């Protein structure tokens, strides 16, 4: 089983961040906000093994698009069906992702549906919140908005963890439990800004383990 360096880097960094706990909150702090029992009080993520579609602007940051595609794949790992990704805010329900400068988020700010002051002037912060009637014809959306590219990406991977996909599912073979139905409690969630400015992951280029992987992959 092989994956691109971007895919591996995603899970390596996500795991390192979780272990180092640089945020004031994480998926662990938000434990219990998802449920496998359908509820009118929750926003539906998966219903009868069909995931809610994801909407992201085509001209948003490239890294955001990569994260969104990873999220769509993670839905597939959980329920067996990959989430549909589009740039159109249509349908009755959608997961809407974007940086604070995304046309989708700007439109929500303009209509008074989203408070941009939560993100303005912040570094690598995300806000994940439910919004009623975000766009014409849409009943509700789960919005993941970030102050910048990384903030948005962290918000996307927060949702992946809430689905039940561990950052270590690839490197450490952490299994993903199948779920046919899943919803998230309505509300607003954030991890705030990072407690440290710079962080990353160091790959020890030992032979033959990593060296062999690099040469073959």
C-alpha atoms as a PDB file:
ATOM      1  CA  UNK A   1       0.000   0.000   0.000  1.00  0.00           C
ATOM      2  CA  UNK A   2       1.668   3.227  -1.154  1.00  0.00           C
ATOM      3  CA  UNK A   3       0.731   6.845  -0.703  1.00  0.00           C
ATOM      4  CA  UNK A   4       2.054  10.135  -2.010  1.00  0.00           C
ATOM      5  CA  UNK A   5       4.480  12.144   0.178  1.00  0.00           C
ATOM      6  CA  UNK A   6       1.707  14.735   0.686  1.00  0.00           C
ATOM      7  CA  UNK A   7      -0.619  12.016   2.000  1.00  0.00           C
ATOM      8  CA  UNK A   8       2.039  10.646   4.338  1.00  0.00           C
ATOM      9  CA  UNK A   9       3.059  14.123   5.471  1.00  0.00           C
ATOM     10  CA  UNK A  10      -0.541  14.922   6.276  1.00  0.00           C
ATOM     11  CA  UNK A  11      -0.884  12.074   8.733  1.00  0.00           C
ATOM     12  CA  UNK A  12       2.622  12.408  10.134  1.00  0.00           C
ATOM     13  CA  UNK A  13       2.144  16.088  10.962  1.00  0.00           C
ATOM     14  CA  UNK A  14      -1.386  15.570  12.232  1.00  0.00           C
ATOM     15  CA  UNK A  15      -0.179  12.869  14.601  1.00  0.00           C
ATOM     16  CA  UNK A  16       2.778  14.938  15.750  1.00  0.00           C
ATOM     17  CA  UNK A  17       0.510  17.896  16.460  1.00  0.00           C
ATOM     18  CA  UNK A  18      -1.908  15.753  18.402  1.00  0.00           C
ATOM     19  CA  UNK A  19       0.855  14.233  20.523  1.00  0.00           C
ATOM     20  CA  UNK A  20       2.566  17.573  21.111  1.00  0.00           C
ATOM     21  CA  UNK A  21      -0.814  19.199  21.895  1.00  0.00           C
ATOM     22  CA  UNK A  22       0.123  22.698  20.698  1.00  0.00           C
ATOM     23  CA  UNK A  23      -3.518  23.758  20.635  1.00  0.00           C
ATOM     24  CA  UNK A  24      -5.734  24.631  23.550  1.00  0.00           C
ATOM     25  CA  UNK A  25      -8.304  22.138  22.225  1.00  0.00           C
ATOM     26  CA  UNK A  26      -8.197  19.117  19.924  1.00  0.00           C
ATOM     27  CA  UNK A  27     -10.355  16.219  18.803  1.00  0.00           C
ATOM     28  CA  UNK A  28      -9.834  14.822  22.298  1.00  0.00           C
ATOM     29  CA  UNK A  29     -11.271  17.987  23.825  1.00  0.00           C
ATOM     30  CA  UNK A  30     -14.243  17.760  21.457  1.00  0.00           C
ATOM     31  CA  UNK A  31     -14.869  14.127  22.356  1.00  0.00           C
ATOM     32  CA  UNK A  32     -18.531  13.198  22.349  1.00  0.00           C
ATOM     33  CA  UNK A  33     -19.797  15.745  19.816  1.00  0.00           C
ATOM     34  CA  UNK A  34     -20.573  13.063  17.208  1.00  0.00           C
ATOM     35  CA  UNK A  35     -23.241  10.379  17.385  1.00  0.00           C
ATOM     36  CA  UNK A  36     -24.194   7.327  15.332  1.00  0.00           C
ATOM     37  CA  UNK A  37     -27.840   7.798  16.255  1.00  0.00           C
ATOM     38  CA  UNK A  38     -29.725  10.169  13.923  1.00  0.00           C
ATOM     39  CA  UNK A  39     -30.994  13.184  15.826  1.00  0.00           C
ATOM     40  CA  UNK A  40     -32.906  16.311  14.789  1.00  0.00           C
ATOM     41  CA  UNK A  41     -30.592  18.224  17.118  1.00  0.00           C
ATOM     42  CA  UNK A  42     -27.487  17.268  15.120  1.00  0.00           C
ATOM     43  CA  UNK A  43     -26.046  18.065  11.708  1.00  0.00           C
ATOM     44  CA  UNK A  44     -25.968  14.924   9.561  1.00  0.00           C
ATOM     45  CA  UNK A  45     -22.550  13.855   8.275  1.00  0.00           C
ATOM     46  CA  UNK A  46     -23.471  10.365   7.051  1.00  0.00           C
ATOM     47  CA  UNK A  47     -26.937   8.895   6.486  1.00  0.00           C
ATOM     48  CA  UNK A  48     -27.419   5.300   5.352  1.00  0.00           C
ATOM     49  CA  UNK A  49     -23.744   5.161   4.279  1.00  0.00           C
ATOM     50  CA  UNK A  50     -24.133   8.296   2.118  1.00  0.00           C
ATOM     51  CA  UNK A  51     -21.890  11.191   3.210  1.00  0.00           C
ATOM     52  CA  UNK A  52     -22.848  14.848   3.042  1.00  0.00           C
ATOM     53  CA  UNK A  53     -21.225  16.627   0.100  1.00  0.00           C
ATOM     54  CA  UNK A  54     -18.330  19.051   0.501  1.00  0.00           C
ATOM     55  CA  UNK A  55     -18.121  22.480  -1.121  1.00  0.00           C
ATOM     56  CA  UNK A  56     -14.832  24.357  -1.623  1.00  0.00           C
ATOM     57  CA  UNK A  57     -13.977  27.199  -4.008  1.00  0.00           C
ATOM     58  CA  UNK A  58     -11.760  26.140  -6.896  1.00  0.00           C
ATOM     59  CA  UNK A  59      -9.537  29.190  -6.427  1.00  0.00           C
ATOM     60  CA  UNK A  60      -8.937  28.654  -2.709  1.00  0.00           C
ATOM     61  CA  UNK A  61      -5.434  27.706  -1.511  1.00  0.00           C
ATOM     62  CA  UNK A  62      -4.075  24.535  -3.122  1.00  0.00           C
ATOM     63  CA  UNK A  63      -3.378  22.967   0.273  1.00  0.00           C
ATOM     64  CA  UNK A  64      -7.021  23.447   1.263  1.00  0.00           C
ATOM     65  CA  UNK A  65      -8.092  21.546  -1.837  1.00  0.00           C
ATOM     66  CA  UNK A  66      -5.717  18.697  -0.963  1.00  0.00           C
ATOM     67  CA  UNK A  67      -7.110  18.537   2.571  1.00  0.00           C
ATOM     68  CA  UNK A  68     -10.696  18.538   1.291  1.00  0.00           C
ATOM     69  CA  UNK A  69      -9.938  15.631  -1.037  1.00  0.00           C
ATOM     70  CA  UNK A  70      -8.372  13.775   1.896  1.00  0.00           C
ATOM     71  CA  UNK A  71     -11.555  14.435   3.890  1.00  0.00           C
ATOM     72  CA  UNK A  72     -13.662  13.074   1.029  1.00  0.00           C
ATOM     73  CA  UNK A  73     -11.484   9.940   1.040  1.00  0.00           C
ATOM     74  CA  UNK A  74     -11.841   9.665   4.823  1.00  0.00           C
ATOM     75  CA  UNK A  75     -15.622   9.597   4.467  1.00  0.00           C
ATOM     76  CA  UNK A  76     -15.087   6.645   2.150  1.00  0.00           C
ATOM     77  CA  UNK A  77     -12.954   4.885   4.738  1.00  0.00           C
ATOM     78  CA  UNK A  78     -15.707   5.324   7.322  1.00  0.00           C
ATOM     79  CA  UNK A  79     -18.902   4.578   5.393  1.00  0.00           C
ATOM     80  CA  UNK A  80     -17.714   3.000   2.147  1.00  0.00           C
ATOM     81  CA  UNK A  81     -18.647   5.959  -0.061  1.00  0.00           C
ATOM     82  CA  UNK A  82     -16.375   8.894  -0.848  1.00  0.00           C
ATOM     83  CA  UNK A  83     -17.938  12.305  -0.299  1.00  0.00           C
ATOM     84  CA  UNK A  84     -18.705  14.335  -3.411  1.00  0.00           C
ATOM     85  CA  UNK A  85     -16.664  17.547  -3.756  1.00  0.00           C
ATOM     86  CA  UNK A  86     -17.850  20.540  -5.769  1.00  0.00           C
ATOM     87  CA  UNK A  87     -17.502  24.294  -5.954  1.00  0.00           C
ATOM     88  CA  UNK A  88     -21.230  25.001  -5.914  1.00  0.00           C
ATOM     89  CA  UNK A  89     -23.121  25.719  -2.676  1.00  0.00           C
ATOM     90  CA  UNK A  90     -26.224  23.816  -3.739  1.00  0.00           C
ATOM     91  CA  UNK A  91     -28.396  21.103  -2.219  1.00  0.00           C
ATOM     92  CA  UNK A  92     -30.175  21.007   1.096  1.00  0.00           C
ATOM     93  CA  UNK A  93     -27.082  20.347   3.193  1.00  0.00           C
ATOM     94  CA  UNK A  94     -23.339  20.759   2.633  1.00  0.00           C
ATOM     95  CA  UNK A  95     -19.986  20.921   4.385  1.00  0.00           C
ATOM     96  CA  UNK A  96     -18.527  24.256   3.274  1.00  0.00           C
ATOM     97  CA  UNK A  97     -14.770  24.758   3.563  1.00  0.00           C
ATOM     98  CA  UNK A  98     -12.704  27.864   2.935  1.00  0.00           C
ATOM     99  CA  UNK A  99     -10.152  30.377   4.112  1.00  0.00           C
ATOM    100  CA  UNK A 100     -11.361  33.743   5.311  1.00  0.00           C
ATOM    101  CA  UNK A 101     -10.720  35.105   1.795  1.00  0.00           C
ATOM    102  CA  UNK A 102     -12.618  32.342   0.011  1.00  0.00           C
ATOM    103  CA  UNK A 103     -15.548  33.675  -2.060  1.00  0.00           C
ATOM    104  CA  UNK A 104     -17.780  31.188  -0.236  1.00  0.00           C
ATOM    105  CA  UNK A 105     -16.807  32.483   3.204  1.00  0.00           C
ATOM    106  CA  UNK A 106     -16.862  36.116   2.054  1.00  0.00           C
ATOM    107  CA  UNK A 107     -20.433  35.622   0.854  1.00  0.00           C
ATOM    108  CA  UNK A 108     -21.428  34.205   4.245  1.00  0.00           C
ATOM    109  CA  UNK A 109     -19.790  37.201   5.942  1.00  0.00           C
ATOM    110  CA  UNK A 110     -21.540  39.627   3.611  1.00  0.00           C
ATOM    111  CA  UNK A 111     -24.945  38.093   4.334  1.00  0.00           C
ATOM    112  CA  UNK A 112     -24.301  38.199   8.079  1.00  0.00           C
ATOM    113  CA  UNK A 113     -24.290  34.416   8.404  1.00  0.00           C
ATOM    114  CA  UNK A 114     -20.671  34.163   9.598  1.00  0.00           C
ATOM    115  CA  UNK A 115     -18.747  36.396  12.016  1.00  0.00           C
ATOM    116  CA  UNK A 116     -15.336  37.040  10.443  1.00  0.00           C
ATOM    117  CA  UNK A 117     -14.036  38.755  13.593  1.00  0.00           C
ATOM    118  CA  UNK A 118     -13.421  35.273  14.999  1.00  0.00           C
ATOM    119  CA  UNK A 119     -10.614  34.821  12.454  1.00  0.00           C
ATOM    120  CA  UNK A 120      -9.353  38.266  11.436  1.00  0.00           C
ATOM    121  CA  UNK A 121      -5.815  38.915  12.640  1.00  0.00           C
ATOM    122  CA  UNK A 122      -5.456  35.333  13.869  1.00  0.00           C
ATOM    123  CA  UNK A 123      -2.761  32.833  12.919  1.00  0.00           C
ATOM    124  CA  UNK A 124      -3.599  29.274  11.845  1.00  0.00           C
ATOM    125  CA  UNK A 125      -6.984  29.306  13.559  1.00  0.00           C
ATOM    126  CA  UNK A 126     -10.129  27.566  12.359  1.00  0.00           C
ATOM    127  CA  UNK A 127     -13.784  27.800  13.298  1.00  0.00           C
ATOM    128  CA  UNK A 128     -16.149  24.906  12.641  1.00  0.00           C
ATOM    129  CA  UNK A 129     -19.788  25.875  13.030  1.00  0.00           C
ATOM    130  CA  UNK A 130     -23.289  25.056  11.831  1.00  0.00           C
ATOM    131  CA  UNK A 131     -25.210  27.725   9.917  1.00  0.00           C
ATOM    132  CA  UNK A 132     -28.901  27.733   8.997  1.00  0.00           C
ATOM    133  CA  UNK A 133     -29.937  28.837   5.483  1.00  0.00           C
ATOM    134  CA  UNK A 134     -26.385  29.781   4.446  1.00  0.00           C
ATOM    135  CA  UNK A 135     -27.241  30.055   0.737  1.00  0.00           C
ATOM    136  CA  UNK A 136     -30.510  30.199  -1.210  1.00  0.00           C
ATOM    137  CA  UNK A 137     -32.161  26.784  -1.270  1.00  0.00           C
ATOM    138  CA  UNK A 138     -29.802  25.317   1.339  1.00  0.00           C
ATOM    139  CA  UNK A 139     -31.268  24.441   4.732  1.00  0.00           C
ATOM    140  CA  UNK A 140     -28.029  24.083   6.672  1.00  0.00           C
ATOM    141  CA  UNK A 141     -24.261  23.843   6.359  1.00  0.00           C
ATOM    142  CA  UNK A 142     -21.348  22.787   8.496  1.00  0.00           C
ATOM    143  CA  UNK A 143     -18.811  25.528   7.809  1.00  0.00           C
ATOM    144  CA  UNK A 144     -15.081  25.081   8.332  1.00  0.00           C
ATOM    145  CA  UNK A 145     -13.388  28.459   7.936  1.00  0.00           C
ATOM    146  CA  UNK A 146      -9.773  29.315   8.624  1.00  0.00           C
ATOM    147  CA  UNK A 147      -7.840  32.519   9.227  1.00  0.00           C
ATOM    148  CA  UNK A 148      -5.331  31.294   6.655  1.00  0.00           C
ATOM    149  CA  UNK A 149      -4.404  28.200   4.680  1.00  0.00           C
ATOM    150  CA  UNK A 150      -3.060  26.154   7.580  1.00  0.00           C
ATOM    151  CA  UNK A 151      -5.896  27.120   9.886  1.00  0.00           C
ATOM    152  CA  UNK A 152      -8.409  25.861   7.348  1.00  0.00           C
ATOM    153  CA  UNK A 153      -6.467  22.638   6.839  1.00  0.00           C
ATOM    154  CA  UNK A 154      -6.350  21.976  10.591  1.00  0.00           C
ATOM    155  CA  UNK A 155     -10.129  22.425  10.719  1.00  0.00           C
ATOM    156  CA  UNK A 156     -10.611  19.925   7.900  1.00  0.00           C
ATOM    157  CA  UNK A 157      -8.453  17.316   9.647  1.00  0.00           C
ATOM    158  CA  UNK A 158     -10.283  17.971  12.906  1.00  0.00           C
ATOM    159  CA  UNK A 159     -13.439  16.801  11.148  1.00  0.00           C
ATOM    160  CA  UNK A 160     -11.592  13.739   9.822  1.00  0.00           C
ATOM    161  CA  UNK A 161     -10.744  12.799  13.403  1.00  0.00           C
ATOM    162  CA  UNK A 162     -14.347  13.356  14.456  1.00  0.00           C
ATOM    163  CA  UNK A 163     -15.364  10.897  11.724  1.00  0.00           C
ATOM    164  CA  UNK A 164     -13.127   8.354  13.441  1.00  0.00           C
ATOM    165  CA  UNK A 165     -10.072   8.452  11.180  1.00  0.00           C
ATOM    166  CA  UNK A 166      -6.901   8.580  13.265  1.00  0.00           C
ATOM    167  CA  UNK A 167      -3.934  10.626  11.980  1.00  0.00           C
ATOM    168  CA  UNK A 168      -2.002   7.381  12.436  1.00  0.00           C
ATOM    169  CA  UNK A 169      -4.266   5.191  10.292  1.00  0.00           C
ATOM    170  CA  UNK A 170      -1.559   4.875   7.628  1.00  0.00           C
ATOM    171  CA  UNK A 171       1.777   4.915   9.470  1.00  0.00           C
ATOM    172  CA  UNK A 172       0.589   2.899  12.462  1.00  0.00           C
ATOM    173  CA  UNK A 173      -2.228   0.950  10.755  1.00  0.00           C
ATOM    174  CA  UNK A 174      -4.860   2.297  13.146  1.00  0.00           C
ATOM    175  CA  UNK A 175      -8.129   0.733  11.923  1.00  0.00           C
ATOM    176  CA  UNK A 176     -11.103   2.844  10.858  1.00  0.00           C
ATOM    177  CA  UNK A 177     -14.430   1.616  12.233  1.00  0.00           C
ATOM    178  CA  UNK A 178     -17.306   1.465   9.761  1.00  0.00           C
ATOM    179  CA  UNK A 179     -20.206   3.803  10.436  1.00  0.00           C
ATOM    180  CA  UNK A 180     -23.383   3.914   8.372  1.00  0.00           C
ATOM    181  CA  UNK A 181     -24.799   6.921  10.214  1.00  0.00           C
ATOM    182  CA  UNK A 182     -22.994   9.791  11.876  1.00  0.00           C
ATOM    183  CA  UNK A 183     -23.944  13.297  12.962  1.00  0.00           C
ATOM    184  CA  UNK A 184     -22.307  16.145  14.846  1.00  0.00           C
ATOM    185  CA  UNK A 185     -23.834  18.317  17.552  1.00  0.00           C
ATOM    186  CA  UNK A 186     -24.749  21.769  16.314  1.00  0.00           C
ATOM    187  CA  UNK A 187     -22.491  24.453  17.728  1.00  0.00           C
ATOM    188  CA  UNK A 188     -19.195  26.235  17.214  1.00  0.00           C
ATOM    189  CA  UNK A 189     -15.829  24.522  17.689  1.00  0.00           C
ATOM    190  CA  UNK A 190     -12.299  25.849  17.506  1.00  0.00           C
ATOM    191  CA  UNK A 191      -8.816  24.984  18.672  1.00  0.00           C
ATOM    192  CA  UNK A 192      -7.800  28.620  18.914  1.00  0.00           C
ATOM    193  CA  UNK A 193      -4.362  29.686  17.748  1.00  0.00           C
ATOM    194  CA  UNK A 194      -1.305  27.413  18.085  1.00  0.00           C
ATOM    195  CA  UNK A 195       0.628  27.748  21.320  1.00  0.00           C
ATOM    196  CA  UNK A 196       3.905  27.615  19.350  1.00  0.00           C
ATOM    197  CA  UNK A 197       4.882  29.485  16.169  1.00  0.00           C
ATOM    198  CA  UNK A 198       6.887  26.865  14.307  1.00  0.00           C
ATOM    199  CA  UNK A 199       6.539  23.098  14.365  1.00  0.00           C
ATOM    200  CA  UNK A 200       6.964  20.132  12.064  1.00  0.00           C
ATOM    201  CA  UNK A 201       8.032  16.535  11.782  1.00  0.00           C
ATOM    202  CA  UNK A 202      11.543  15.144  11.310  1.00  0.00           C
ATOM    203  CA  UNK A 203      11.962  12.024   9.200  1.00  0.00           C
ATOM    204  CA  UNK A 204      15.051  10.017  10.147  1.00  0.00           C
ATOM    205  CA  UNK A 205      16.504   8.758   6.869  1.00  0.00           C
ATOM    206  CA  UNK A 206      17.601   5.385   8.236  1.00  0.00           C
ATOM    207  CA  UNK A 207      18.536   2.580   5.856  1.00  0.00           C
ATOM    208  CA  UNK A 208      17.006   0.355   4.742  1.00  0.00           C
ATOM    209  CA  UNK A 209      13.602   1.339   6.152  1.00  0.00           C
ATOM    210  CA  UNK A 210      12.898   4.868   4.910  1.00  0.00           C
ATOM    211  CA  UNK A 211      15.659   4.854   2.268  1.00  0.00           C
ATOM    212  CA  UNK A 212      14.118   1.816   0.574  1.00  0.00           C
ATOM    213  CA  UNK A 213      10.683   3.459   0.651  1.00  0.00           C
ATOM    214  CA  UNK A 214      12.044   6.635  -0.949  1.00  0.00           C
ATOM    215  CA  UNK A 215      13.827   4.738  -3.756  1.00  0.00           C
ATOM    216  CA  UNK A 216      10.780   2.595  -4.520  1.00  0.00           C
ATOM    217  CA  UNK A 217       8.101   5.219  -4.074  1.00  0.00           C
END
